[in-house]
Amino acid sequence: MRNTGRVDERLLLECPRGCESIWSAFAQLGRSRPRGLGVGGIAFAEIEAWQRLTGVRLSPWELDVLTEIDARVLAQAGKKERKA
C-alpha cells in the first residue's frame, strides 16, 4: 500500500476455516526467515526451535502444508525479483 496507495485484494481474503493455526505458524516463522541477497526458505531447524519454544507441535500434514506455503511464497518472490 505504501508504494501504490491501494490495498492488494489478496490481503483481504480470509484464511480457510481450520487453517488459521498453520497460517499463524507460517507468519511467526516467516519473521525468522534468512535475509540477505534474497529471501530464504524457513529452515527445518527454525521450525523445530519454534515448536520447542512455543510448545506447539505440528502434525506431519501441518508441516507439509507449512513448507508448501513457504515454497510458493519463495516462488512468487523469485518471480518478482526476476521482473525487477
N, C-alpha and C. Protein backbone atom coordinates (compact mmCIF):
# COMPACT_ATOMS: atom_id res chain seq x y z
N MET A 1 0.82 -1.17 0.00
CA MET A 1 0.00 0.00 0.00
C MET A 1 0.87 1.26 0.00
N ARG A 2 2.01 1.18 0.69
CA ARG A 2 2.89 2.35 0.72
C ARG A 2 3.34 2.75 -0.68
N ASN A 3 3.57 1.78 -1.53
CA ASN A 3 4.08 2.07 -2.87
C ASN A 3 2.99 2.46 -3.86
N THR A 4 1.83 1.83 -3.75
CA THR A 4 0.79 2.03 -4.77
C THR A 4 -0.37 2.90 -4.30
N GLY A 5 -0.53 3.02 -2.99
CA GLY A 5 -1.66 3.77 -2.47
C GLY A 5 -2.95 2.97 -2.42
N ARG A 6 -2.88 1.69 -2.73
CA ARG A 6 -4.08 0.85 -2.67
C ARG A 6 -3.74 -0.49 -2.01
N VAL A 7 -4.74 -1.11 -1.45
CA VAL A 7 -4.57 -2.39 -0.77
C VAL A 7 -4.76 -3.50 -1.78
N ASP A 8 -3.84 -4.43 -1.84
CA ASP A 8 -3.97 -5.59 -2.70
C ASP A 8 -5.14 -6.44 -2.21
N GLU A 9 -6.08 -6.75 -3.09
CA GLU A 9 -7.28 -7.51 -2.72
C GLU A 9 -6.93 -8.86 -2.09
N ARG A 10 -5.81 -9.43 -2.47
CA ARG A 10 -5.43 -10.74 -1.92
C ARG A 10 -5.20 -10.67 -0.42
N LEU A 11 -4.84 -9.48 0.09
CA LEU A 11 -4.63 -9.33 1.52
C LEU A 11 -5.93 -9.32 2.30
N LEU A 12 -7.04 -9.12 1.61
CA LEU A 12 -8.34 -9.07 2.26
C LEU A 12 -9.02 -10.43 2.32
N LEU A 13 -8.43 -11.43 1.67
CA LEU A 13 -9.00 -12.78 1.69
C LEU A 13 -8.89 -13.38 3.08
N GLU A 14 -9.90 -14.14 3.47
CA GLU A 14 -9.87 -14.79 4.76
C GLU A 14 -9.19 -16.15 4.64
N CYS A 15 -8.53 -16.51 5.69
CA CYS A 15 -7.90 -17.83 5.76
C CYS A 15 -9.00 -18.89 5.83
N PRO A 16 -8.89 -19.98 5.07
CA PRO A 16 -9.91 -21.03 5.14
C PRO A 16 -10.05 -21.56 6.56
N ARG A 17 -11.29 -21.83 6.96
CA ARG A 17 -11.56 -22.34 8.31
C ARG A 17 -10.76 -23.61 8.54
N GLY A 18 -10.13 -23.69 9.69
CA GLY A 18 -9.33 -24.86 10.04
C GLY A 18 -7.85 -24.68 9.73
N CYS A 19 -7.52 -23.65 8.98
CA CYS A 19 -6.11 -23.42 8.61
C CYS A 19 -5.48 -22.26 9.38
N GLU A 20 -6.24 -21.66 10.27
CA GLU A 20 -5.74 -20.49 10.98
C GLU A 20 -4.45 -20.78 11.76
N SER A 21 -4.37 -21.95 12.38
CA SER A 21 -3.18 -22.26 13.18
C SER A 21 -1.94 -22.43 12.29
N ILE A 22 -2.13 -23.03 11.13
CA ILE A 22 -0.99 -23.20 10.21
C ILE A 22 -0.55 -21.83 9.69
N TRP A 23 -1.51 -20.99 9.32
CA TRP A 23 -1.18 -19.67 8.82
C TRP A 23 -0.47 -18.84 9.89
N SER A 24 -0.93 -18.95 11.14
CA SER A 24 -0.30 -18.24 12.25
C SER A 24 1.14 -18.72 12.44
N ALA A 25 1.34 -20.03 12.38
CA ALA A 25 2.70 -20.59 12.50
C ALA A 25 3.58 -20.08 11.37
N PHE A 26 3.04 -20.07 10.15
CA PHE A 26 3.80 -19.58 8.99
C PHE A 26 4.19 -18.12 9.19
N ALA A 27 3.24 -17.31 9.65
CA ALA A 27 3.52 -15.89 9.85
C ALA A 27 4.60 -15.68 10.91
N GLN A 28 4.52 -16.43 12.00
CA GLN A 28 5.53 -16.31 13.05
C GLN A 28 6.89 -16.77 12.57
N LEU A 29 6.92 -17.90 11.88
CA LEU A 29 8.18 -18.44 11.38
C LEU A 29 8.77 -17.56 10.28
N GLY A 30 7.92 -16.89 9.53
CA GLY A 30 8.41 -16.02 8.46
C GLY A 30 9.29 -14.90 8.97
N ARG A 31 9.09 -14.52 10.22
CA ARG A 31 9.93 -13.47 10.80
C ARG A 31 11.36 -13.94 11.03
N SER A 32 11.58 -15.26 11.08
CA SER A 32 12.94 -15.78 11.28
C SER A 32 13.60 -16.13 9.95
N ARG A 33 12.93 -15.81 8.87
CA ARG A 33 13.42 -16.13 7.53
C ARG A 33 14.78 -15.45 7.28
N PRO A 34 15.75 -16.20 6.74
CA PRO A 34 17.05 -15.58 6.44
C PRO A 34 16.91 -14.48 5.40
N ARG A 35 17.62 -13.41 5.59
CA ARG A 35 17.61 -12.29 4.65
C ARG A 35 19.04 -12.06 4.19
N GLY A 36 19.17 -11.41 3.10
CA GLY A 36 20.49 -11.12 2.56
C GLY A 36 20.35 -10.79 1.09
N LEU A 37 20.98 -11.59 0.25
CA LEU A 37 20.91 -11.35 -1.19
C LEU A 37 19.55 -11.71 -1.77
N GLY A 38 18.78 -12.44 -1.02
CA GLY A 38 17.44 -12.83 -1.46
C GLY A 38 16.68 -13.40 -0.29
N VAL A 39 15.45 -13.74 -0.52
CA VAL A 39 14.64 -14.32 0.55
C VAL A 39 14.96 -15.80 0.63
N GLY A 40 15.21 -16.28 1.83
CA GLY A 40 15.49 -17.69 2.01
C GLY A 40 14.29 -18.41 2.59
N GLY A 41 14.31 -19.71 2.47
CA GLY A 41 13.22 -20.52 3.00
C GLY A 41 13.30 -20.66 4.51
N ILE A 42 12.21 -21.09 5.09
CA ILE A 42 12.19 -21.35 6.53
C ILE A 42 12.84 -22.71 6.74
N ALA A 43 13.90 -22.73 7.51
CA ALA A 43 14.66 -23.96 7.73
C ALA A 43 13.94 -24.88 8.71
N PHE A 44 14.10 -26.19 8.53
CA PHE A 44 13.50 -27.15 9.46
C PHE A 44 14.02 -26.92 10.88
N ALA A 45 15.27 -26.49 11.02
CA ALA A 45 15.81 -26.20 12.35
C ALA A 45 15.03 -25.06 13.01
N GLU A 46 14.62 -24.07 12.22
CA GLU A 46 13.82 -22.97 12.75
C GLU A 46 12.43 -23.46 13.17
N ILE A 47 11.86 -24.34 12.38
CA ILE A 47 10.55 -24.90 12.72
C ILE A 47 10.65 -25.71 14.01
N GLU A 48 11.69 -26.53 14.10
CA GLU A 48 11.88 -27.34 15.31
C GLU A 48 12.07 -26.44 16.54
N ALA A 49 12.88 -25.41 16.42
CA ALA A 49 13.10 -24.48 17.54
C ALA A 49 11.80 -23.77 17.91
N TRP A 50 11.04 -23.34 16.90
CA TRP A 50 9.75 -22.66 17.14
C TRP A 50 8.81 -23.57 17.91
N GLN A 51 8.74 -24.84 17.49
CA GLN A 51 7.87 -25.79 18.18
C GLN A 51 8.29 -25.96 19.64
N ARG A 52 9.60 -26.07 19.85
CA ARG A 52 10.11 -26.26 21.21
C ARG A 52 9.82 -25.04 22.08
N LEU A 53 10.01 -23.85 21.53
CA LEU A 53 9.83 -22.62 22.30
C LEU A 53 8.37 -22.27 22.55
N THR A 54 7.51 -22.61 21.61
CA THR A 54 6.08 -22.26 21.76
C THR A 54 5.26 -23.37 22.38
N GLY A 55 5.79 -24.59 22.39
CA GLY A 55 5.03 -25.72 22.89
C GLY A 55 4.01 -26.24 21.89
N VAL A 56 4.05 -25.71 20.67
CA VAL A 56 3.15 -26.16 19.60
C VAL A 56 3.84 -27.29 18.86
N ARG A 57 3.10 -28.35 18.61
CA ARG A 57 3.64 -29.49 17.87
C ARG A 57 2.85 -29.63 16.59
N LEU A 58 3.51 -29.42 15.46
CA LEU A 58 2.84 -29.57 14.16
C LEU A 58 2.75 -31.05 13.81
N SER A 59 1.62 -31.44 13.28
CA SER A 59 1.48 -32.81 12.79
C SER A 59 2.20 -32.89 11.44
N PRO A 60 2.47 -34.08 10.95
CA PRO A 60 3.15 -34.21 9.66
C PRO A 60 2.43 -33.48 8.52
N TRP A 61 1.09 -33.56 8.47
CA TRP A 61 0.37 -32.89 7.38
C TRP A 61 0.46 -31.38 7.54
N GLU A 62 0.45 -30.88 8.79
CA GLU A 62 0.58 -29.44 9.00
C GLU A 62 1.96 -28.96 8.56
N LEU A 63 2.98 -29.75 8.85
CA LEU A 63 4.33 -29.42 8.41
C LEU A 63 4.40 -29.41 6.89
N ASP A 64 3.76 -30.37 6.24
CA ASP A 64 3.73 -30.41 4.77
C ASP A 64 3.07 -29.16 4.20
N VAL A 65 1.95 -28.76 4.81
CA VAL A 65 1.24 -27.57 4.33
C VAL A 65 2.10 -26.32 4.54
N LEU A 66 2.70 -26.21 5.71
CA LEU A 66 3.54 -25.05 6.02
C LEU A 66 4.71 -24.94 5.04
N THR A 67 5.38 -26.05 4.76
CA THR A 67 6.51 -26.00 3.84
C THR A 67 6.05 -25.74 2.40
N GLU A 68 4.85 -26.19 2.05
CA GLU A 68 4.32 -25.90 0.71
C GLU A 68 3.98 -24.41 0.58
N ILE A 69 3.39 -23.83 1.61
CA ILE A 69 3.13 -22.39 1.59
C ILE A 69 4.44 -21.64 1.41
N ASP A 70 5.46 -22.04 2.18
CA ASP A 70 6.76 -21.39 2.10
C ASP A 70 7.35 -21.50 0.70
N ALA A 71 7.25 -22.68 0.09
CA ALA A 71 7.79 -22.87 -1.26
C ALA A 71 7.09 -21.96 -2.27
N ARG A 72 5.78 -21.82 -2.11
CA ARG A 72 5.03 -20.95 -3.04
C ARG A 72 5.35 -19.48 -2.83
N VAL A 73 5.54 -19.08 -1.58
CA VAL A 73 5.94 -17.70 -1.30
C VAL A 73 7.31 -17.42 -1.92
N LEU A 74 8.24 -18.35 -1.78
CA LEU A 74 9.57 -18.18 -2.37
C LEU A 74 9.51 -18.12 -3.89
N ALA A 75 8.65 -18.94 -4.49
CA ALA A 75 8.50 -18.92 -5.94
C ALA A 75 7.98 -17.56 -6.41
N GLN A 76 7.00 -17.01 -5.70
CA GLN A 76 6.47 -15.69 -6.05
C GLN A 76 7.53 -14.61 -5.87
N ALA A 77 8.28 -14.70 -4.79
CA ALA A 77 9.34 -13.72 -4.54
C ALA A 77 10.39 -13.79 -5.66
N GLY A 78 10.70 -14.99 -6.11
CA GLY A 78 11.66 -15.16 -7.20
C GLY A 78 11.17 -14.55 -8.49
N LYS A 79 9.87 -14.70 -8.77
CA LYS A 79 9.29 -14.11 -9.98
C LYS A 79 9.38 -12.59 -9.93
N LYS A 80 9.10 -12.01 -8.77
CA LYS A 80 9.16 -10.57 -8.63
C LYS A 80 10.59 -10.06 -8.79
N GLU A 81 11.57 -10.80 -8.25
CA GLU A 81 12.97 -10.39 -8.38
C GLU A 81 13.43 -10.43 -9.84
N ARG A 82 12.98 -11.45 -10.57
CA ARG A 82 13.39 -11.58 -11.97
C ARG A 82 12.81 -10.45 -12.83
N LYS A 83 11.61 -9.99 -12.45
CA LYS A 83 10.99 -8.89 -13.21
C LYS A 83 11.67 -7.56 -12.94
N ALA A 84 12.26 -7.42 -11.76
CA ALA A 84 12.87 -6.15 -11.38
C ALA A 84 14.18 -5.88 -12.07
